[in-house]
């Protein structure tokens, strides 16, 4: 019983951390104006809790990204929003 409560508490804390991580503003420098616009829209939707729209815009930004570093960063953003969506289901 205690083990179950510990696991439940851990999952709740992890979900909270993921949600808070996704809402933290971070400066970004992208080479593509299209990627920057889509990324900003995605972050705006994510802050509003509209995770499906945020995911779509992260995918658009990923498609417009020009460097591997940008793709890696946007891939991390996508994983974060996917976890947020999964947590809410």
PDB file of N, CA and C in Angstrom:
ATOM      1  N   UNK A   1       0.824  -1.186   0.000  1.00  0.00           N
ATOM      2  CA  UNK A   1       0.000   0.000   0.000  1.00  0.00           C
ATOM      3  C   UNK A   1       0.875   1.260   0.000  1.00  0.00           C
ATOM      4  N   UNK A   2       1.908   1.273   0.828  1.00  0.00           N
ATOM      5  CA  UNK A   2       2.784   2.442   0.904  1.00  0.00           C
ATOM      6  C   UNK A   2       3.546   2.594  -0.411  1.00  0.00           C
ATOM      7  N   UNK A   3       3.954   1.486  -0.998  1.00  0.00           N
ATOM      8  CA  UNK A   3       4.666   1.524  -2.269  1.00  0.00           C
ATOM      9  C   UNK A   3       3.786   2.156  -3.350  1.00  0.00           C
ATOM     10  N   UNK A   4       2.500   1.799  -3.360  1.00  0.00           N
ATOM     11  CA  UNK A   4       1.564   2.370  -4.324  1.00  0.00           C
ATOM     12  C   UNK A   4       1.431   3.876  -4.117  1.00  0.00           C
ATOM     13  N   UNK A   5       1.366   4.311  -2.877  1.00  0.00           N
ATOM     14  CA  UNK A   5       1.252   5.739  -2.584  1.00  0.00           C
ATOM     15  C   UNK A   5       2.515   6.486  -3.011  1.00  0.00           C
ATOM     16  N   UNK A   6       3.677   5.878  -2.794  1.00  0.00           N
ATOM     17  CA  UNK A   6       4.929   6.500  -3.224  1.00  0.00           C
ATOM     18  C   UNK A   6       4.965   6.642  -4.738  1.00  0.00           C
ATOM     19  N   UNK A   7       4.557   5.595  -5.445  1.00  0.00           N
ATOM     20  CA  UNK A   7       4.542   5.643  -6.901  1.00  0.00           C
ATOM     21  C   UNK A   7       3.560   6.707  -7.400  1.00  0.00           C
ATOM     22  N   UNK A   8       2.400   6.777  -6.775  1.00  0.00           N
ATOM     23  CA  UNK A   8       1.403   7.773  -7.162  1.00  0.00           C
ATOM     24  C   UNK A   8       1.926   9.184  -6.926  1.00  0.00           C
ATOM     25  N   UNK A   9       2.557   9.402  -5.781  1.00  0.00           N
ATOM     26  CA  UNK A   9       3.127  10.707  -5.474  1.00  0.00           C
ATOM     27  C   UNK A   9       4.224  11.064  -6.475  1.00  0.00           C
ATOM     28  N   UNK A  10       5.055  10.104  -6.821  1.00  0.00           N
ATOM     29  CA  UNK A  10       6.120  10.343  -7.787  1.00  0.00           C
ATOM     30  C   UNK A  10       5.544  10.727  -9.154  1.00  0.00           C
ATOM     31  N   UNK A  11       4.521  10.022  -9.604  1.00  0.00           N
ATOM     32  CA  UNK A  11       3.902  10.320 -10.895  1.00  0.00           C
ATOM     33  C   UNK A  11       3.284  11.716 -10.874  1.00  0.00           C
ATOM     34  N   UNK A  12       2.639  12.077  -9.779  1.00  0.00           N
ATOM     35  CA  UNK A  12       2.034  13.399  -9.673  1.00  0.00           C
ATOM     36  C   UNK A  12       3.095  14.497  -9.688  1.00  0.00           C
ATOM     37  N   UNK A  13       4.192  14.280  -8.982  1.00  0.00           N
ATOM     38  CA  UNK A  13       5.280  15.256  -8.981  1.00  0.00           C
ATOM     39  C   UNK A  13       5.930  15.374 -10.354  1.00  0.00           C
ATOM     40  N   UNK A  14       6.110  14.245 -11.014  1.00  0.00           N
ATOM     41  CA  UNK A  14       6.712  14.256 -12.353  1.00  0.00           C
ATOM     42  C   UNK A  14       5.806  14.995 -13.338  1.00  0.00           C
ATOM     43  N   UNK A  15       4.508  14.737 -13.260  1.00  0.00           N
ATOM     44  CA  UNK A  15       3.564  15.417 -14.150  1.00  0.00           C
ATOM     45  C   UNK A  15       3.560  16.919 -13.895  1.00  0.00           C
ATOM     46  N   UNK A  16       3.628  17.317 -12.638  1.00  0.00           N
ATOM     47  CA  UNK A  16       3.681  18.734 -12.294  1.00  0.00           C
ATOM     48  C   UNK A  16       4.949  19.375 -12.838  1.00  0.00           C
ATOM     49  N   UNK A  17       6.061  18.672 -12.710  1.00  0.00           N
ATOM     50  CA  UNK A  17       7.325  19.201 -13.221  1.00  0.00           C
ATOM     51  C   UNK A  17       7.271  19.380 -14.730  1.00  0.00           C
ATOM     52  N   UNK A  18       6.671  18.420 -15.429  1.00  0.00           N
ATOM     53  CA  UNK A  18       6.552  18.513 -16.883  1.00  0.00           C
ATOM     54  C   UNK A  18       5.673  19.694 -17.265  1.00  0.00           C
ATOM     55  N   UNK A  19       4.568  19.850 -16.569  1.00  0.00           N
ATOM     56  CA  UNK A  19       3.677  20.979 -16.870  1.00  0.00           C
ATOM     57  C   UNK A  19       4.356  22.316 -16.609  1.00  0.00           C
ATOM     58  N   UNK A  20       5.078  22.415 -15.509  1.00  0.00           N
ATOM     59  CA  UNK A  20       5.768  23.665 -15.199  1.00  0.00           C
ATOM     60  C   UNK A  20       6.911  23.921 -16.169  1.00  0.00           C
ATOM     61  N   UNK A  21       7.611  22.876 -16.562  1.00  0.00           N
ATOM     62  CA  UNK A  21       8.716  23.037 -17.514  1.00  0.00           C
ATOM     63  C   UNK A  21       8.195  23.583 -18.837  1.00  0.00           C
ATOM     64  N   UNK A  22       7.059  23.094 -19.266  1.00  0.00           N
ATOM     65  CA  UNK A  22       6.495  23.542 -20.527  1.00  0.00           C
ATOM     66  C   UNK A  22       6.034  24.981 -20.510  1.00  0.00           C
ATOM     67  N   UNK A  23       5.769  25.532 -19.350  1.00  0.00           N
ATOM     68  CA  UNK A  23       5.268  26.901 -19.244  1.00  0.00           C
ATOM     69  C   UNK A  23       6.363  27.919 -18.971  1.00  0.00           C
ATOM     70  N   UNK A  24       7.583  27.457 -18.804  1.00  0.00           N
ATOM     71  CA  UNK A  24       8.676  28.384 -18.507  1.00  0.00           C
ATOM     72  C   UNK A  24       9.129  29.071 -19.788  1.00  0.00           C
ATOM     73  N   UNK A  25       9.119  30.401 -19.814  1.00  0.00           N
ATOM     74  CA  UNK A  25       9.603  31.085 -21.011  1.00  0.00           C
ATOM     75  C   UNK A  25      11.126  30.978 -21.119  1.00  0.00           C
ATOM     76  N   UNK A  26      11.583  30.681 -22.298  1.00  0.00           N
ATOM     77  CA  UNK A  26      13.008  30.596 -22.551  1.00  0.00           C
ATOM     78  C   UNK A  26      13.308  31.358 -23.830  1.00  0.00           C
ATOM     79  N   UNK A  27      14.382  32.133 -23.849  1.00  0.00           N
ATOM     80  CA  UNK A  27      14.722  32.850 -25.083  1.00  0.00           C
ATOM     81  C   UNK A  27      15.152  31.869 -26.167  1.00  0.00           C
ATOM     82  N   UNK A  28      14.858  32.226 -27.378  1.00  0.00           N
ATOM     83  CA  UNK A  28      15.195  31.341 -28.487  1.00  0.00           C
ATOM     84  C   UNK A  28      15.733  32.167 -29.649  1.00  0.00           C
ATOM     85  N   UNK A  29      16.688  31.623 -30.339  1.00  0.00           N
ATOM     86  CA  UNK A  29      17.261  32.237 -31.529  1.00  0.00           C
ATOM     87  C   UNK A  29      17.215  31.199 -32.649  1.00  0.00           C
ATOM     88  N   UNK A  30      16.300  31.380 -33.580  1.00  0.00           N
ATOM     89  CA  UNK A  30      16.205  30.470 -34.714  1.00  0.00           C
ATOM     90  C   UNK A  30      16.646  31.191 -35.979  1.00  0.00           C
ATOM     91  N   UNK A  31      17.208  30.450 -36.913  1.00  0.00           N
ATOM     92  CA  UNK A  31      17.665  31.032 -38.171  1.00  0.00           C
ATOM     93  C   UNK A  31      16.515  31.322 -39.122  1.00  0.00           C
ATOM     94  N   UNK A  32      15.417  30.634 -38.968  1.00  0.00           N
ATOM     95  CA  UNK A  32      14.277  30.800 -39.858  1.00  0.00           C
ATOM     96  C   UNK A  32      13.191  31.633 -39.182  1.00  0.00           C
ATOM     97  N   UNK A  33      12.729  32.664 -39.883  1.00  0.00           N
ATOM     98  CA  UNK A  33      11.640  33.477 -39.339  1.00  0.00           C
ATOM     99  C   UNK A  33      10.363  32.657 -39.179  1.00  0.00           C
ATOM    100  N   UNK A  34      10.099  31.760 -40.145  1.00  0.00           N
ATOM    101  CA  UNK A  34       8.911  30.917 -40.063  1.00  0.00           C
ATOM    102  C   UNK A  34       8.956  30.020 -38.824  1.00  0.00           C
ATOM    103  N   UNK A  35      10.111  29.444 -38.562  1.00  0.00           N
ATOM    104  CA  UNK A  35      10.264  28.576 -37.393  1.00  0.00           C
ATOM    105  C   UNK A  35      10.067  29.376 -36.107  1.00  0.00           C
ATOM    106  N   UNK A  36      10.592  30.600 -36.070  1.00  0.00           N
ATOM    107  CA  UNK A  36      10.449  31.441 -34.880  1.00  0.00           C
ATOM    108  C   UNK A  36       8.989  31.795 -34.632  1.00  0.00           C
ATOM    109  N   UNK A  37       8.265  32.147 -35.692  1.00  0.00           N
ATOM    110  CA  UNK A  37       6.847  32.489 -35.561  1.00  0.00           C
ATOM    111  C   UNK A  37       6.056  31.286 -35.061  1.00  0.00           C
ATOM    112  N   UNK A  38       6.289  30.135 -35.660  1.00  0.00           N
ATOM    113  CA  UNK A  38       5.570  28.921 -35.243  1.00  0.00           C
ATOM    114  C   UNK A  38       5.924  28.535 -33.811  1.00  0.00           C
ATOM    115  N   UNK A  39       7.202  28.677 -33.453  1.00  0.00           N
ATOM    116  CA  UNK A  39       7.616  28.353 -32.088  1.00  0.00           C
ATOM    117  C   UNK A  39       6.929  29.271 -31.085  1.00  0.00           C
ATOM    118  N   UNK A  40       6.874  30.567 -31.380  1.00  0.00           N
ATOM    119  CA  UNK A  40       6.216  31.514 -30.471  1.00  0.00           C
ATOM    120  C   UNK A  40       4.729  31.212 -30.340  1.00  0.00           C
ATOM    121  N   UNK A  41       4.068  30.867 -31.442  1.00  0.00           N
ATOM    122  CA  UNK A  41       2.660  30.501 -31.379  1.00  0.00           C
ATOM    123  C   UNK A  41       2.474  29.230 -30.557  1.00  0.00           C
ATOM    124  N   UNK A  42       3.358  28.277 -30.740  1.00  0.00           N
ATOM    125  CA  UNK A  42       3.273  27.024 -29.984  1.00  0.00           C
ATOM    126  C   UNK A  42       3.411  27.279 -28.495  1.00  0.00           C
ATOM    127  N   UNK A  43       4.380  28.114 -28.106  1.00  0.00           N
ATOM    128  CA  UNK A  43       4.569  28.427 -26.686  1.00  0.00           C
ATOM    129  C   UNK A  43       3.349  29.158 -26.121  1.00  0.00           C
ATOM    130  N   UNK A  44       2.747  30.027 -26.923  1.00  0.00           N
ATOM    131  CA  UNK A  44       1.547  30.753 -26.496  1.00  0.00           C
ATOM    132  C   UNK A  44       0.410  29.766 -26.239  1.00  0.00           C
ATOM    133  N   UNK A  45       0.184  28.833 -27.181  1.00  0.00           N
ATOM    134  CA  UNK A  45      -0.871  27.839 -27.003  1.00  0.00           C
ATOM    135  C   UNK A  45      -0.573  26.919 -25.821  1.00  0.00           C
ATOM    136  N   UNK A  46       0.676  26.587 -25.644  1.00  0.00           N
ATOM    137  CA  UNK A  46       1.065  25.715 -24.538  1.00  0.00           C
ATOM    138  C   UNK A  46       0.787  26.396 -23.202  1.00  0.00           C
ATOM    139  N   UNK A  47       1.079  27.671 -23.103  1.00  0.00           N
ATOM    140  CA  UNK A  47       0.822  28.409 -21.868  1.00  0.00           C
ATOM    141  C   UNK A  47      -0.676  28.498 -21.572  1.00  0.00           C
ATOM    142  N   UNK A  48      -1.493  28.465 -22.607  1.00  0.00           N
ATOM    143  CA  UNK A  48      -2.947  28.500 -22.438  1.00  0.00           C
ATOM    144  C   UNK A  48      -3.529  27.122 -22.140  1.00  0.00           C
ATOM    145  N   UNK A  49      -2.717  26.091 -22.235  1.00  0.00           N
ATOM    146  CA  UNK A  49      -3.206  24.736 -22.001  1.00  0.00           C
ATOM    147  C   UNK A  49      -3.808  24.108 -23.249  1.00  0.00           C
ATOM    148  N   UNK A  50      -3.573  24.693 -24.398  1.00  0.00           N
ATOM    149  CA  UNK A  50      -4.084  24.170 -25.665  1.00  0.00           C
ATOM    150  C   UNK A  50      -2.967  23.350 -26.320  1.00  0.00           C
ATOM    151  N   UNK A  51      -2.758  22.164 -25.748  1.00  0.00           N
ATOM    152  CA  UNK A  51      -1.578  21.367 -26.073  1.00  0.00           C
ATOM    153  C   UNK A  51      -1.600  20.773 -27.482  1.00  0.00           C
ATOM    154  N   UNK A  52      -2.769  20.420 -27.999  1.00  0.00           N
ATOM    155  CA  UNK A  52      -2.834  19.870 -29.355  1.00  0.00           C
ATOM    156  C   UNK A  52      -2.423  20.926 -30.380  1.00  0.00           C
ATOM    157  N   UNK A  53      -2.905  22.163 -30.208  1.00  0.00           N
ATOM    158  CA  UNK A  53      -2.501  23.252 -31.095  1.00  0.00           C
ATOM    159  C   UNK A  53      -1.015  23.547 -30.940  1.00  0.00           C
ATOM    160  N   UNK A  54      -0.543  23.515 -29.720  1.00  0.00           N
ATOM    161  CA  UNK A  54       0.886  23.738 -29.476  1.00  0.00           C
ATOM    162  C   UNK A  54       1.710  22.683 -30.200  1.00  0.00           C
ATOM    163  N   UNK A  55       1.283  21.442 -30.125  1.00  0.00           N
ATOM    164  CA  UNK A  55       2.003  20.344 -30.791  1.00  0.00           C
ATOM    165  C   UNK A  55       2.072  20.572 -32.292  1.00  0.00           C
ATOM    166  N   UNK A  56       0.953  20.975 -32.892  1.00  0.00           N
ATOM    167  CA  UNK A  56       0.934  21.237 -34.329  1.00  0.00           C
ATOM    168  C   UNK A  56       1.928  22.334 -34.712  1.00  0.00           C
ATOM    169  N   UNK A  57       1.972  23.393 -33.912  1.00  0.00           N
ATOM    170  CA  UNK A  57       2.872  24.495 -34.226  1.00  0.00           C
ATOM    171  C   UNK A  57       4.340  24.133 -33.965  1.00  0.00           C
ATOM    172  N   UNK A  58       4.597  23.289 -32.969  1.00  0.00           N
ATOM    173  CA  UNK A  58       5.966  22.801 -32.789  1.00  0.00           C
ATOM    174  C   UNK A  58       6.395  21.967 -34.000  1.00  0.00           C
ATOM    175  N   UNK A  59       5.476  21.171 -34.542  1.00  0.00           N
ATOM    176  CA  UNK A  59       5.794  20.383 -35.736  1.00  0.00           C
ATOM    177  C   UNK A  59       6.076  21.291 -36.933  1.00  0.00           C
ATOM    178  N   UNK A  60       5.295  22.358 -37.081  1.00  0.00           N
ATOM    179  CA  UNK A  60       5.547  23.317 -38.160  1.00  0.00           C
ATOM    180  C   UNK A  60       6.907  23.992 -37.986  1.00  0.00           C
ATOM    181  N   UNK A  61       7.220  24.356 -36.749  1.00  0.00           N
ATOM    182  CA  UNK A  61       8.525  24.972 -36.482  1.00  0.00           C
ATOM    183  C   UNK A  61       9.648  23.982 -36.771  1.00  0.00           C
ATOM    184  N   UNK A  62       9.441  22.735 -36.416  1.00  0.00           N
ATOM    185  CA  UNK A  62      10.448  21.701 -36.684  1.00  0.00           C
ATOM    186  C   UNK A  62      10.666  21.541 -38.188  1.00  0.00           C
ATOM    187  N   UNK A  63       9.600  21.600 -38.956  1.00  0.00           N
ATOM    188  CA  UNK A  63       9.720  21.480 -40.408  1.00  0.00           C
ATOM    189  C   UNK A  63      10.492  22.668 -41.006  1.00  0.00           C
ATOM    190  N   UNK A  64      10.377  23.840 -40.380  1.00  0.00           N
ATOM    191  CA  UNK A  64      11.043  25.038 -40.901  1.00  0.00           C
ATOM    192  C   UNK A  64      12.444  25.233 -40.327  1.00  0.00           C
ATOM    193  N   UNK A  65      12.820  24.440 -39.339  1.00  0.00           N
ATOM    194  CA  UNK A  65      14.133  24.592 -38.694  1.00  0.00           C
ATOM    195  C   UNK A  65      15.248  24.288 -39.687  1.00  0.00           C
ATOM    196  N   UNK A  66      16.352  25.023 -39.546  1.00  0.00           N
ATOM    197  CA  UNK A  66      17.454  24.890 -40.508  1.00  0.00           C
ATOM    198  C   UNK A  66      18.673  24.151 -39.968  1.00  0.00           C
ATOM    199  N   UNK A  67      18.872  24.164 -38.662  1.00  0.00           N
ATOM    200  CA  UNK A  67      20.081  23.533 -38.117  1.00  0.00           C
ATOM    201  C   UNK A  67      19.710  22.355 -37.221  1.00  0.00           C
ATOM    202  N   UNK A  68      20.702  21.516 -36.990  1.00  0.00           N
ATOM    203  CA  UNK A  68      20.479  20.365 -36.107  1.00  0.00           C
ATOM    204  C   UNK A  68      20.189  20.805 -34.678  1.00  0.00           C
ATOM    205  N   UNK A  69      20.832  21.873 -34.222  1.00  0.00           N
ATOM    206  CA  UNK A  69      20.594  22.360 -32.863  1.00  0.00           C
ATOM    207  C   UNK A  69      19.146  22.819 -32.698  1.00  0.00           C
ATOM    208  N   UNK A  70      18.616  23.487 -33.707  1.00  0.00           N
ATOM    209  CA  UNK A  70      17.217  23.913 -33.665  1.00  0.00           C
ATOM    210  C   UNK A  70      16.295  22.703 -33.648  1.00  0.00           C
ATOM    211  N   UNK A  71      16.593  21.728 -34.482  1.00  0.00           N
ATOM    212  CA  UNK A  71      15.762  20.522 -34.528  1.00  0.00           C
ATOM    213  C   UNK A  71      15.787  19.777 -33.197  1.00  0.00           C
ATOM    214  N   UNK A  72      16.964  19.703 -32.580  1.00  0.00           N
ATOM    215  CA  UNK A  72      17.069  19.036 -31.277  1.00  0.00           C
ATOM    216  C   UNK A  72      16.239  19.766 -30.220  1.00  0.00           C
ATOM    217  N   UNK A  73      16.321  21.096 -30.204  1.00  0.00           N
ATOM    218  CA  UNK A  73      15.569  21.883 -29.231  1.00  0.00           C
ATOM    219  C   UNK A  73      14.058  21.726 -29.451  1.00  0.00           C
ATOM    220  N   UNK A  74      13.635  21.783 -30.708  1.00  0.00           N
ATOM    221  CA  UNK A  74      12.212  21.647 -31.013  1.00  0.00           C
ATOM    222  C   UNK A  74      11.725  20.222 -30.746  1.00  0.00           C
ATOM    223  N   UNK A  75      12.597  19.252 -30.945  1.00  0.00           N
ATOM    224  CA  UNK A  75      12.245  17.866 -30.616  1.00  0.00           C
ATOM    225  C   UNK A  75      11.992  17.728 -29.115  1.00  0.00           C
ATOM    226  N   UNK A  76      12.801  18.388 -28.307  1.00  0.00           N
ATOM    227  CA  UNK A  76      12.591  18.381 -26.856  1.00  0.00           C
ATOM    228  C   UNK A  76      11.261  19.054 -26.501  1.00  0.00           C
ATOM    229  N   UNK A  77      10.964  20.151 -27.167  1.00  0.00           N
ATOM    230  CA  UNK A  77       9.688  20.832 -26.942  1.00  0.00           C
ATOM    231  C   UNK A  77       8.523  19.912 -27.291  1.00  0.00           C
ATOM    232  N   UNK A  78       8.659  19.180 -28.394  1.00  0.00           N
ATOM    233  CA  UNK A  78       7.604  18.243 -28.791  1.00  0.00           C
ATOM    234  C   UNK A  78       7.423  17.138 -27.754  1.00  0.00           C
ATOM    235  N   UNK A  79       8.521  16.607 -27.247  1.00  0.00           N
ATOM    236  CA  UNK A  79       8.417  15.567 -26.213  1.00  0.00           C
ATOM    237  C   UNK A  79       7.713  16.110 -24.973  1.00  0.00           C
ATOM    238  N   UNK A  80       8.009  17.361 -24.625  1.00  0.00           N
ATOM    239  CA  UNK A  80       7.380  17.974 -23.456  1.00  0.00           C
ATOM    240  C   UNK A  80       5.881  18.105 -23.656  1.00  0.00           C
ATOM    241  N   UNK A  81       5.466  18.626 -24.791  1.00  0.00           N
ATOM    242  CA  UNK A  81       4.029  18.809 -25.029  1.00  0.00           C
ATOM    243  C   UNK A  81       3.332  17.460 -25.177  1.00  0.00           C
ATOM    244  N   UNK A  82       4.010  16.461 -25.728  1.00  0.00           N
ATOM    245  CA  UNK A  82       3.424  15.118 -25.798  1.00  0.00           C
ATOM    246  C   UNK A  82       3.184  14.559 -24.398  1.00  0.00           C
ATOM    247  N   UNK A  83       4.130  14.782 -23.480  1.00  0.00           N
ATOM    248  CA  UNK A  83       3.938  14.343 -22.102  1.00  0.00           C
ATOM    249  C   UNK A  83       2.779  15.094 -21.440  1.00  0.00           C
ATOM    250  N   UNK A  84       2.646  16.362 -21.747  1.00  0.00           N
ATOM    251  CA  UNK A  84       1.534  17.135 -21.193  1.00  0.00           C
ATOM    252  C   UNK A  84       0.203  16.587 -21.689  1.00  0.00           C
ATOM    253  N   UNK A  85       0.145  16.267 -22.974  1.00  0.00           N
ATOM    254  CA  UNK A  85      -1.089  15.701 -23.534  1.00  0.00           C
ATOM    255  C   UNK A  85      -1.372  14.342 -22.899  1.00  0.00           C
ATOM    256  N   UNK A  86      -0.352  13.510 -22.790  1.00  0.00           N
ATOM    257  CA  UNK A  86      -0.521  12.176 -22.213  1.00  0.00           C
ATOM    258  C   UNK A  86      -0.957  12.264 -20.755  1.00  0.00           C
ATOM    259  N   UNK A  87      -0.419  13.229 -20.018  1.00  0.00           N
ATOM    260  CA  UNK A  87      -0.761  13.397 -18.614  1.00  0.00           C
ATOM    261  C   UNK A  87      -2.232  13.753 -18.434  1.00  0.00           C
ATOM    262  N   UNK A  88      -2.750  14.542 -19.346  1.00  0.00           N
ATOM    263  CA  UNK A  88      -4.147  14.983 -19.229  1.00  0.00           C
ATOM    264  C   UNK A  88      -5.143  13.932 -19.671  1.00  0.00           C
ATOM    265  N   UNK A  89      -4.698  12.899 -20.370  1.00  0.00           N
ATOM    266  CA  UNK A  89      -5.638  11.874 -20.849  1.00  0.00           C
ATOM    267  C   UNK A  89      -5.912  10.845 -19.804  1.00  0.00           C
TER     268      UNK A  89
END
